[in-house]
PDB file of N, CA and C in Angstrom:
ATOM      1  N   MET A   1     -42.867   6.591  12.588  1.00  0.00           N
ATOM      2  CA  MET A   1     -41.792   7.175  11.830  1.00  0.00           C
ATOM      3  C   MET A   1     -40.550   6.288  11.934  1.00  0.00           C
ATOM      4  N   ILE A   2     -39.883   6.088  10.823  1.00  0.00           N
ATOM      5  CA  ILE A   2     -38.695   5.249  10.783  1.00  0.00           C
ATOM      6  C   ILE A   2     -37.468   6.106  11.060  1.00  0.00           C
ATOM      7  N   THR A   3     -36.668   5.668  12.021  1.00  0.00           N
ATOM      8  CA  THR A   3     -35.439   6.397  12.328  1.00  0.00           C
ATOM      9  C   THR A   3     -34.302   5.840  11.492  1.00  0.00           C
ATOM     10  N   PRO A   4     -33.441   6.711  10.989  1.00  0.00           N
ATOM     11  CA  PRO A   4     -32.334   6.215  10.165  1.00  0.00           C
ATOM     12  C   PRO A   4     -31.293   5.488  11.011  1.00  0.00           C
ATOM     13  N   ILE A   5     -30.601   4.572  10.359  1.00  0.00           N
ATOM     14  CA  ILE A   5     -29.543   3.809  11.026  1.00  0.00           C
ATOM     15  C   ILE A   5     -28.340   4.718  11.220  1.00  0.00           C
ATOM     16  N   GLN A   6     -27.806   4.705  12.422  1.00  0.00           N
ATOM     17  CA  GLN A   6     -26.661   5.536  12.727  1.00  0.00           C
ATOM     18  C   GLN A   6     -25.385   4.702  12.717  1.00  0.00           C
ATOM     19  N   LYS A   7     -24.303   5.365  12.433  1.00  0.00           N
ATOM     20  CA  LYS A   7     -23.011   4.698  12.388  1.00  0.00           C
ATOM     21  C   LYS A   7     -22.600   4.237  13.784  1.00  0.00           C
ATOM     22  N   ILE A   8     -22.092   3.019  13.882  1.00  0.00           N
ATOM     23  CA  ILE A   8     -21.616   2.481  15.149  1.00  0.00           C
ATOM     24  C   ILE A   8     -20.225   3.033  15.404  1.00  0.00           C
ATOM     25  N   THR A   9     -20.023   3.621  16.561  1.00  0.00           N
ATOM     26  CA  THR A   9     -18.722   4.167  16.905  1.00  0.00           C
ATOM     27  C   THR A   9     -18.082   3.306  17.981  1.00  0.00           C
ATOM     28  N   PRO A  10     -16.771   3.080  17.896  1.00  0.00           N
ATOM     29  CA  PRO A  10     -16.108   2.252  18.908  1.00  0.00           C
ATOM     30  C   PRO A  10     -16.001   2.992  20.238  1.00  0.00           C
ATOM     31  N   LEU A  11     -16.016   2.226  21.327  1.00  0.00           N
ATOM     32  CA  LEU A  11     -15.884   2.825  22.643  1.00  0.00           C
ATOM     33  C   LEU A  11     -14.457   3.306  22.883  1.00  0.00           C
ATOM     34  N   LEU A  12     -13.501   2.522  22.446  1.00  0.00           N
ATOM     35  CA  LEU A  12     -12.097   2.878  22.592  1.00  0.00           C
ATOM     36  C   LEU A  12     -11.469   2.980  21.216  1.00  0.00           C
ATOM     37  N   GLU A  13     -10.616   3.982  21.062  1.00  0.00           N
ATOM     38  CA  GLU A  13      -9.924   4.102  19.781  1.00  0.00           C
ATOM     39  C   GLU A  13      -8.798   3.091  19.723  1.00  0.00           C
ATOM     40  N   THR A  14      -8.822   2.278  18.695  1.00  0.00           N
ATOM     41  CA  THR A  14      -7.745   1.318  18.510  1.00  0.00           C
ATOM     42  C   THR A  14      -6.665   1.952  17.660  1.00  0.00           C
ATOM     43  N   GLU A  15      -5.575   1.237  17.511  1.00  0.00           N
ATOM     44  CA  GLU A  15      -4.466   1.744  16.707  1.00  0.00           C
ATOM     45  C   GLU A  15      -4.888   1.918  15.254  1.00  0.00           C
ATOM     46  N   LYS A  16      -5.732   1.010  14.780  1.00  0.00           N
ATOM     47  CA  LYS A  16      -6.174   1.092  13.389  1.00  0.00           C
ATOM     48  C   LYS A  16      -7.047   2.320  13.152  1.00  0.00           C
ATOM     49  N   THR A  17      -7.948   2.627  14.083  1.00  0.00           N
ATOM     50  CA  THR A  17      -8.795   3.804  13.896  1.00  0.00           C
ATOM     51  C   THR A  17      -7.976   5.079  14.005  1.00  0.00           C
ATOM     52  N   GLN A  18      -6.957   5.088  14.852  1.00  0.00           N
ATOM     53  CA  GLN A  18      -6.081   6.251  14.945  1.00  0.00           C
ATOM     54  C   GLN A  18      -5.300   6.428  13.647  1.00  0.00           C
ATOM     55  N   LYS A  19      -4.831   5.318  13.082  1.00  0.00           N
ATOM     56  CA  LYS A  19      -4.078   5.375  11.836  1.00  0.00           C
ATOM     57  C   LYS A  19      -4.983   5.837  10.693  1.00  0.00           C
ATOM     58  N   THR A  20      -6.236   5.377  10.681  1.00  0.00           N
ATOM     59  CA  THR A  20      -7.181   5.778   9.655  1.00  0.00           C
ATOM     60  C   THR A  20      -7.490   7.263   9.763  1.00  0.00           C
ATOM     61  N   ALA A  21      -7.677   7.744  10.980  1.00  0.00           N
ATOM     62  CA  ALA A  21      -7.950   9.164  11.172  1.00  0.00           C
ATOM     63  C   ALA A  21      -6.765  10.000  10.738  1.00  0.00           C
ATOM     64  N   ALA A  22      -5.555   9.525  10.996  1.00  0.00           N
ATOM     65  CA  ALA A  22      -4.370  10.258  10.567  1.00  0.00           C
ATOM     66  C   ALA A  22      -4.249  10.243   9.050  1.00  0.00           C
ATOM     67  N   ALA A  23      -4.600   9.132   8.421  1.00  0.00           N
ATOM     68  CA  ALA A  23      -4.517   9.038   6.964  1.00  0.00           C
ATOM     69  C   ALA A  23      -5.533   9.958   6.291  1.00  0.00           C
ATOM     70  N   GLU A  24      -6.702  10.127   6.910  1.00  0.00           N
ATOM     71  CA  GLU A  24      -7.720  11.000   6.331  1.00  0.00           C
ATOM     72  C   GLU A  24      -7.305  12.459   6.390  1.00  0.00           C
ATOM     73  N   SER A  25      -6.501  12.836   7.376  1.00  0.00           N
ATOM     74  CA  SER A  25      -6.080  14.224   7.493  1.00  0.00           C
ATOM     75  C   SER A  25      -4.856  14.529   6.630  1.00  0.00           C
ATOM     76  N   ASN A  26      -4.237  13.505   6.059  1.00  0.00           N
ATOM     77  CA  ASN A  26      -3.047  13.699   5.234  1.00  0.00           C
ATOM     78  C   ASN A  26      -3.399  14.278   3.879  1.00  0.00           C
ATOM     79  N   ILE A  27      -2.384  14.720   3.201  1.00  0.00           N
ATOM     80  CA  ILE A  27      -2.514  15.189   1.830  1.00  0.00           C
ATOM     81  C   ILE A  27      -2.854  13.980   0.964  1.00  0.00           C
ATOM     82  N   PRO A  28      -3.745  14.116  -0.025  1.00  0.00           N
ATOM     83  CA  PRO A  28      -4.131  12.954  -0.839  1.00  0.00           C
ATOM     84  C   PRO A  28      -2.938  12.230  -1.471  1.00  0.00           C
ATOM     85  N   PHE A  29      -1.967  12.976  -1.984  1.00  0.00           N
ATOM     86  CA  PHE A  29      -0.818  12.320  -2.596  1.00  0.00           C
ATOM     87  C   PHE A  29      -0.053  11.497  -1.574  1.00  0.00           C
ATOM     88  N   GLN A  30       0.056  12.021  -0.392  1.00  0.00           N
ATOM     89  CA  GLN A  30       0.780  11.307   0.660  1.00  0.00           C
ATOM     90  C   GLN A  30       0.096   9.988   0.988  1.00  0.00           C
ATOM     91  N   SER A  31      -1.229   9.985   1.064  1.00  0.00           N
ATOM     92  CA  SER A  31      -1.934   8.747   1.371  1.00  0.00           C
ATOM     93  C   SER A  31      -1.793   7.736   0.241  1.00  0.00           C
ATOM     94  N   VAL A  32      -1.776   8.211  -1.006  1.00  0.00           N
ATOM     95  CA  VAL A  32      -1.569   7.305  -2.141  1.00  0.00           C
ATOM     96  C   VAL A  32      -0.171   6.708  -2.076  1.00  0.00           C
ATOM     97  N   PHE A  33       0.814   7.535  -1.799  1.00  0.00           N
ATOM     98  CA  PHE A  33       2.195   7.075  -1.722  1.00  0.00           C
ATOM     99  C   PHE A  33       2.367   6.067  -0.593  1.00  0.00           C
ATOM    100  N   GLU A  34       1.753   6.347   0.567  1.00  0.00           N
ATOM    101  CA  GLU A  34       1.844   5.419   1.692  1.00  0.00           C
ATOM    102  C   GLU A  34       1.162   4.089   1.378  1.00  0.00           C
ATOM    103  N   SER A  35       0.032   4.138   0.679  1.00  0.00           N
ATOM    104  CA  SER A  35      -0.651   2.889   0.339  1.00  0.00           C
ATOM    105  C   SER A  35       0.171   2.069  -0.650  1.00  0.00           C
ATOM    106  N   MET A  36       0.881   2.735  -1.567  1.00  0.00           N
ATOM    107  CA  MET A  36       1.754   2.013  -2.495  1.00  0.00           C
ATOM    108  C   MET A  36       2.916   1.355  -1.746  1.00  0.00           C
ATOM    109  N   ILE A  37       3.461   2.048  -0.778  1.00  0.00           N
ATOM    110  CA  ILE A  37       4.549   1.474   0.022  1.00  0.00           C
ATOM    111  C   ILE A  37       4.044   0.262   0.795  1.00  0.00           C
ATOM    112  N   ASP A  38       2.846   0.377   1.366  1.00  0.00           N
ATOM    113  CA  ASP A  38       2.255  -0.759   2.084  1.00  0.00           C
ATOM    114  C   ASP A  38       2.018  -1.946   1.153  1.00  0.00           C
ATOM    115  N   THR A  39       1.588  -1.658  -0.074  1.00  0.00           N
ATOM    116  CA  THR A  39       1.360  -2.728  -1.047  1.00  0.00           C
ATOM    117  C   THR A  39       2.663  -3.445  -1.379  1.00  0.00           C
ATOM    118  N   VAL A  40       3.734  -2.689  -1.546  1.00  0.00           N
ATOM    119  CA  VAL A  40       5.037  -3.296  -1.835  1.00  0.00           C
ATOM    120  C   VAL A  40       5.479  -4.163  -0.656  1.00  0.00           C
ATOM    121  N   LYS A  41       5.274  -3.673   0.556  1.00  0.00           N
ATOM    122  CA  LYS A  41       5.648  -4.461   1.735  1.00  0.00           C
ATOM    123  C   LYS A  41       4.853  -5.767   1.804  1.00  0.00           C
ATOM    124  N   GLU A  42       3.537  -5.671   1.545  1.00  0.00           N
ATOM    125  CA  GLU A  42       2.696  -6.867   1.601  1.00  0.00           C
ATOM    126  C   GLU A  42       3.099  -7.896   0.546  1.00  0.00           C
ATOM    127  N   THR A  43       3.331  -7.434  -0.673  1.00  0.00           N
ATOM    128  CA  THR A  43       3.705  -8.376  -1.731  1.00  0.00           C
ATOM    129  C   THR A  43       5.082  -8.963  -1.474  1.00  0.00           C
ATOM    130  N   ASP A  44       5.973  -8.181  -0.880  1.00  0.00           N
ATOM    131  CA  ASP A  44       7.299  -8.703  -0.545  1.00  0.00           C
ATOM    132  C   ASP A  44       7.190  -9.795   0.521  1.00  0.00           C
ATOM    133  N   GLN A  45       6.289  -9.614   1.471  1.00  0.00           N
ATOM    134  CA  GLN A  45       6.080 -10.632   2.488  1.00  0.00           C
ATOM    135  C   GLN A  45       5.488 -11.903   1.885  1.00  0.00           C
ATOM    136  N   GLU A  46       4.577 -11.742   0.914  1.00  0.00           N
ATOM    137  CA  GLU A  46       4.010 -12.912   0.235  1.00  0.00           C
ATOM    138  C   GLU A  46       5.097 -13.701  -0.487  1.00  0.00           C
ATOM    139  N   VAL A  47       6.006 -12.987  -1.155  1.00  0.00           N
ATOM    140  CA  VAL A  47       7.088 -13.650  -1.885  1.00  0.00           C
ATOM    141  C   VAL A  47       8.020 -14.361  -0.902  1.00  0.00           C
ATOM    142  N   ALA A  48       8.360 -13.693   0.184  1.00  0.00           N
ATOM    143  CA  ALA A  48       9.251 -14.314   1.176  1.00  0.00           C
ATOM    144  C   ALA A  48       8.615 -15.570   1.764  1.00  0.00           C
ATOM    145  N   GLN A  49       7.319 -15.492   2.060  1.00  0.00           N
ATOM    146  CA  GLN A  49       6.621 -16.664   2.604  1.00  0.00           C
ATOM    147  C   GLN A  49       6.573 -17.786   1.572  1.00  0.00           C
ATOM    148  N   GLY A  50       6.312 -17.445   0.312  1.00  0.00           N
ATOM    149  CA  GLY A  50       6.267 -18.449  -0.745  1.00  0.00           C
ATOM    150  C   GLY A  50       7.614 -19.110  -0.967  1.00  0.00           C
ATOM    151  N   LYS A  51       8.686 -18.320  -0.916  1.00  0.00           N
ATOM    152  CA  LYS A  51      10.030 -18.878  -1.073  1.00  0.00           C
ATOM    153  C   LYS A  51      10.368 -19.820   0.081  1.00  0.00           C
ATOM    154  N   TYR A  52       9.957 -19.425   1.283  1.00  0.00           N
ATOM    155  CA  TYR A  52      10.209 -20.286   2.443  1.00  0.00           C
ATOM    156  C   TYR A  52       9.467 -21.610   2.291  1.00  0.00           C
ATOM    157  N   LEU A  53       8.195 -21.526   1.897  1.00  0.00           N
ATOM    158  CA  LEU A  53       7.402 -22.742   1.729  1.00  0.00           C
ATOM    159  C   LEU A  53       7.962 -23.622   0.616  1.00  0.00           C
ATOM    160  N   LEU A  54       8.445 -23.007  -0.452  1.00  0.00           N
ATOM    161  CA  LEU A  54       9.044 -23.774  -1.545  1.00  0.00           C
ATOM    162  C   LEU A  54      10.327 -24.453  -1.093  1.00  0.00           C
ATOM    163  N   ALA A  55      11.155 -23.736  -0.338  1.00  0.00           N
ATOM    164  CA  ALA A  55      12.425 -24.294   0.121  1.00  0.00           C
ATOM    165  C   ALA A  55      12.221 -25.445   1.106  1.00  0.00           C
ATOM    166  N   THR A  56      11.150 -25.375   1.886  1.00  0.00           N
ATOM    167  CA  THR A  56      10.903 -26.426   2.868  1.00  0.00           C
ATOM    168  C   THR A  56      10.030 -27.549   2.321  1.00  0.00           C
ATOM    169  N   GLY A  57       9.586 -27.406   1.077  1.00  0.00           N
ATOM    170  CA  GLY A  57       8.786 -28.449   0.451  1.00  0.00           C
ATOM    171  C   GLY A  57       7.325 -28.444   0.855  1.00  0.00           C
ATOM    172  N   GLN A  58       6.847 -27.352   1.401  1.00  0.00           N
ATOM    173  CA  GLN A  58       5.469 -27.265   1.862  1.00  0.00           C
ATOM    174  C   GLN A  58       4.546 -26.585   0.849  1.00  0.00           C
ATOM    175  N   LEU A  59       5.102 -26.068  -0.235  1.00  0.00           N
ATOM    176  CA  LEU A  59       4.308 -25.343  -1.229  1.00  0.00           C
ATOM    177  C   LEU A  59       3.684 -26.339  -2.201  1.00  0.00           C
ATOM    178  N   ASP A  60       2.353 -26.390  -2.213  1.00  0.00           N
ATOM    179  CA  ASP A  60       1.646 -27.325  -3.084  1.00  0.00           C
ATOM    180  C   ASP A  60       1.577 -26.825  -4.522  1.00  0.00           C
ATOM    181  N   ASN A  61       1.472 -25.524  -4.709  1.00  0.00           N
ATOM    182  CA  ASN A  61       1.283 -24.945  -6.031  1.00  0.00           C
ATOM    183  C   ASN A  61       2.415 -23.951  -6.323  1.00  0.00           C
ATOM    184  N   PRO A  62       3.471 -24.381  -7.027  1.00  0.00           N
ATOM    185  CA  PRO A  62       4.591 -23.490  -7.300  1.00  0.00           C
ATOM    186  C   PRO A  62       4.211 -22.259  -8.138  1.00  0.00           C
ATOM    187  N   SER A  63       3.127 -22.363  -8.881  1.00  0.00           N
ATOM    188  CA  SER A  63       2.740 -21.206  -9.696  1.00  0.00           C
ATOM    189  C   SER A  63       2.270 -20.042  -8.826  1.00  0.00           C
ATOM    190  N   SER A  64       1.816 -20.325  -7.616  1.00  0.00           N
ATOM    191  CA  SER A  64       1.399 -19.236  -6.721  1.00  0.00           C
ATOM    192  C   SER A  64       2.597 -18.366  -6.338  1.00  0.00           C
ATOM    193  N   LEU A  65       3.782 -18.967  -6.245  1.00  0.00           N
ATOM    194  CA  LEU A  65       4.988 -18.198  -5.972  1.00  0.00           C
ATOM    195  C   LEU A  65       5.321 -17.297  -7.158  1.00  0.00           C
ATOM    196  N   MET A  66       5.186 -17.817  -8.364  1.00  0.00           N
ATOM    197  CA  MET A  66       5.460 -17.009  -9.544  1.00  0.00           C
ATOM    198  C   MET A  66       4.469 -15.844  -9.661  1.00  0.00           C
ATOM    199  N   ILE A  67       3.217 -16.106  -9.319  1.00  0.00           N
ATOM    200  CA  ILE A  67       2.209 -15.040  -9.341  1.00  0.00           C
ATOM    201  C   ILE A  67       2.546 -13.981  -8.299  1.00  0.00           C
ATOM    202  N   ALA A  68       2.938 -14.398  -7.110  1.00  0.00           N
ATOM    203  CA  ALA A  68       3.308 -13.446  -6.058  1.00  0.00           C
ATOM    204  C   ALA A  68       4.527 -12.627  -6.469  1.00  0.00           C
ATOM    205  N   MET A  69       5.487 -13.275  -7.144  1.00  0.00           N
ATOM    206  CA  MET A  69       6.669 -12.548  -7.604  1.00  0.00           C
ATOM    207  C   MET A  69       6.308 -11.533  -8.680  1.00  0.00           C
ATOM    208  N   SER A  70       5.380 -11.869  -9.542  1.00  0.00           N
ATOM    209  CA  SER A  70       4.933 -10.932 -10.571  1.00  0.00           C
ATOM    210  C   SER A  70       4.199  -9.744  -9.952  1.00  0.00           C
ATOM    211  N   LYS A  71       3.361 -10.024  -8.948  1.00  0.00           N
ATOM    212  CA  LYS A  71       2.664  -8.946  -8.255  1.00  0.00           C
ATOM    213  C   LYS A  71       3.663  -8.007  -7.595  1.00  0.00           C
ATOM    214  N   ASN A  72       4.676  -8.594  -6.957  1.00  0.00           N
ATOM    215  CA  ASN A  72       5.688  -7.795  -6.293  1.00  0.00           C
ATOM    216  C   ASN A  72       6.443  -6.938  -7.302  1.00  0.00           C
ATOM    217  N   ASP A  73       6.816  -7.524  -8.420  1.00  0.00           N
ATOM    218  CA  ASP A  73       7.536  -6.783  -9.450  1.00  0.00           C
ATOM    219  C   ASP A  73       6.702  -5.618  -9.972  1.00  0.00           C
ATOM    220  N   THR A  74       5.430  -5.865 -10.216  1.00  0.00           N
ATOM    221  CA  THR A  74       4.546  -4.811 -10.705  1.00  0.00           C
ATOM    222  C   THR A  74       4.369  -3.711  -9.662  1.00  0.00           C
ATOM    223  N   ALA A  75       4.208  -4.090  -8.388  1.00  0.00           N
ATOM    224  CA  ALA A  75       4.038  -3.104  -7.325  1.00  0.00           C
ATOM    225  C   ALA A  75       5.278  -2.227  -7.178  1.00  0.00           C
ATOM    226  N   VAL A  76       6.459  -2.838  -7.272  1.00  0.00           N
ATOM    227  CA  VAL A  76       7.697  -2.071  -7.156  1.00  0.00           C
ATOM    228  C   VAL A  76       7.839  -1.118  -8.342  1.00  0.00           C
ATOM    229  N   LYS A  77       7.535  -1.600  -9.545  1.00  0.00           N
ATOM    230  CA  LYS A  77       7.625  -0.734 -10.723  1.00  0.00           C
ATOM    231  C   LYS A  77       6.655   0.445 -10.626  1.00  0.00           C
ATOM    232  N   MET A  78       5.449   0.187 -10.119  1.00  0.00           N
ATOM    233  CA  MET A  78       4.484   1.274  -9.963  1.00  0.00           C
ATOM    234  C   MET A  78       4.957   2.285  -8.932  1.00  0.00           C
ATOM    235  N   LEU A  79       5.544   1.815  -7.843  1.00  0.00           N
ATOM    236  CA  LEU A  79       6.057   2.715  -6.818  1.00  0.00           C
ATOM    237  C   LEU A  79       7.192   3.572  -7.366  1.00  0.00           C
ATOM    238  N   VAL A  80       8.082   2.969  -8.139  1.00  0.00           N
ATOM    239  CA  VAL A  80       9.189   3.721  -8.730  1.00  0.00           C
ATOM    240  C   VAL A  80       8.659   4.769  -9.710  1.00  0.00           C
ATOM    241  N   GLN A  81       7.666   4.412 -10.514  1.00  0.00           N
ATOM    242  CA  GLN A  81       7.090   5.373 -11.450  1.00  0.00           C
ATOM    243  C   GLN A  81       6.390   6.511 -10.717  1.00  0.00           C
ATOM    244  N   LEU A  82       5.712   6.195  -9.621  1.00  0.00           N
ATOM    245  CA  LEU A  82       5.064   7.226  -8.819  1.00  0.00           C
ATOM    246  C   LEU A  82       6.096   8.181  -8.245  1.00  0.00           C
ATOM    247  N   ARG A  83       7.196   7.631  -7.762  1.00  0.00           N
ATOM    248  CA  ARG A  83       8.266   8.480  -7.236  1.00  0.00           C
ATOM    249  C   ARG A  83       8.862   9.350  -8.325  1.00  0.00           C
ATOM    250  N   ASN A  84       9.072   8.773  -9.516  1.00  0.00           N
ATOM    251  CA  ASN A  84       9.628   9.546 -10.623  1.00  0.00           C
ATOM    252  C   ASN A  84       8.711  10.692 -11.017  1.00  0.00           C
ATOM    253  N   LYS A  85       7.410  10.432 -11.078  1.00  0.00           N
ATOM    254  CA  LYS A  85       6.449  11.491 -11.423  1.00  0.00           C
ATOM    255  C   LYS A  85       6.447  12.579 -10.358  1.00  0.00           C
ATOM    256  N   ALA A  86       6.552  12.189  -9.088  1.00  0.00           N
ATOM    257  CA  ALA A  86       6.589  13.180  -8.012  1.00  0.00           C
ATOM    258  C   ALA A  86       7.847  14.033  -8.111  1.00  0.00           C
ATOM    259  N   MET A  87       8.958  13.409  -8.421  1.00  0.00           N
ATOM    260  CA  MET A  87      10.204  14.168  -8.568  1.00  0.00           C
ATOM    261  C   MET A  87      10.147  15.106  -9.773  1.00  0.00           C
ATOM    262  N   ASP A  88       9.535  14.651 -10.864  1.00  0.00           N
ATOM    263  CA  ASP A  88       9.365  15.519 -12.036  1.00  0.00           C
ATOM    264  C   ASP A  88       8.490  16.719 -11.705  1.00  0.00           C
ATOM    265  N   ALA A  89       7.402  16.475 -10.987  1.00  0.00           N
ATOM    266  CA  ALA A  89       6.507  17.568 -10.607  1.00  0.00           C
ATOM    267  C   ALA A  89       7.219  18.549  -9.687  1.00  0.00           C
ATOM    268  N   TYR A  90       8.004  18.037  -8.750  1.00  0.00           N
ATOM    269  CA  TYR A  90       8.756  18.906  -7.841  1.00  0.00           C
ATOM    270  C   TYR A  90       9.757  19.765  -8.611  1.00  0.00           C
ATOM    271  N   SER A  91      10.467  19.160  -9.551  1.00  0.00           N
ATOM    272  CA  SER A  91      11.451  19.936 -10.317  1.00  0.00           C
ATOM    273  C   SER A  91      10.773  20.992 -11.188  1.00  0.00           C
ATOM    274  N   GLU A  92       9.577  20.691 -11.701  1.00  0.00           N
ATOM    275  CA  GLU A  92       8.830  21.680 -12.485  1.00  0.00           C
ATOM    276  C   GLU A  92       8.415  22.857 -11.605  1.00  0.00           C
ATOM    277  N   VAL A  93       7.966  22.559 -10.409  1.00  0.00           N
ATOM    278  CA  VAL A  93       7.561  23.632  -9.485  1.00  0.00           C
ATOM    279  C   VAL A  93       8.773  24.486  -9.112  1.00  0.00           C
ATOM    280  N   MET A  94       9.913  23.849  -8.930  1.00  0.00           N
ATOM    281  CA  MET A  94      11.121  24.601  -8.549  1.00  0.00           C
ATOM    282  C   MET A  94      11.630  25.472  -9.692  1.00  0.00           C
ATOM    283  N   ARG A  95      11.316  25.129 -10.935  1.00  0.00           N
ATOM    284  CA  ARG A  95      11.751  25.921 -12.085  1.00  0.00           C
ATOM    285  C   ARG A  95      10.899  27.176 -12.297  1.00  0.00           C
ATOM    286  N   ILE A  96       9.746  27.219 -11.688  1.00  0.00           N
ATOM    287  CA  ILE A  96       8.866  28.378 -11.866  1.00  0.00           C
ATOM    288  C   ILE A  96       9.515  29.596 -11.212  1.00  0.00           C
ATOM    289  N   SER A  97       9.638  30.654 -11.990  1.00  0.00           N
ATOM    290  CA  SER A  97      10.208  31.887 -11.435  1.00  0.00           C
ATOM    291  C   SER A  97       9.081  32.879 -11.155  1.00  0.00           C
ATOM    292  N   LEU A  98       9.205  33.508 -10.029  1.00  0.00           N
ATOM    293  CA  LEU A  98       8.171  34.465  -9.634  1.00  0.00           C
ATOM    294  C   LEU A  98       8.576  35.872  -9.922  1.00  0.00           C
TER     295      LEU A  98
END
């Protein structure tokens, strides 16, 4: 008889597994919002690193900086739109009279 493969569990909980477990217990909207914030932070770091490399003359491909800046701009716009939709939904809920 073939035994099924079981999931490997870590011996010690790392910070990442604790963060993942906390994210799974969160409200779905909250996890989406947090992931968007993380995306904005990551793209902002890419832009900062690209600007530093460009200023020091170490950047071989200047178009990669422009691509990173476009990604950052798009991520920020998406985060702002997500916040606006959340605020609209909140105001709609507050207008409901019981």
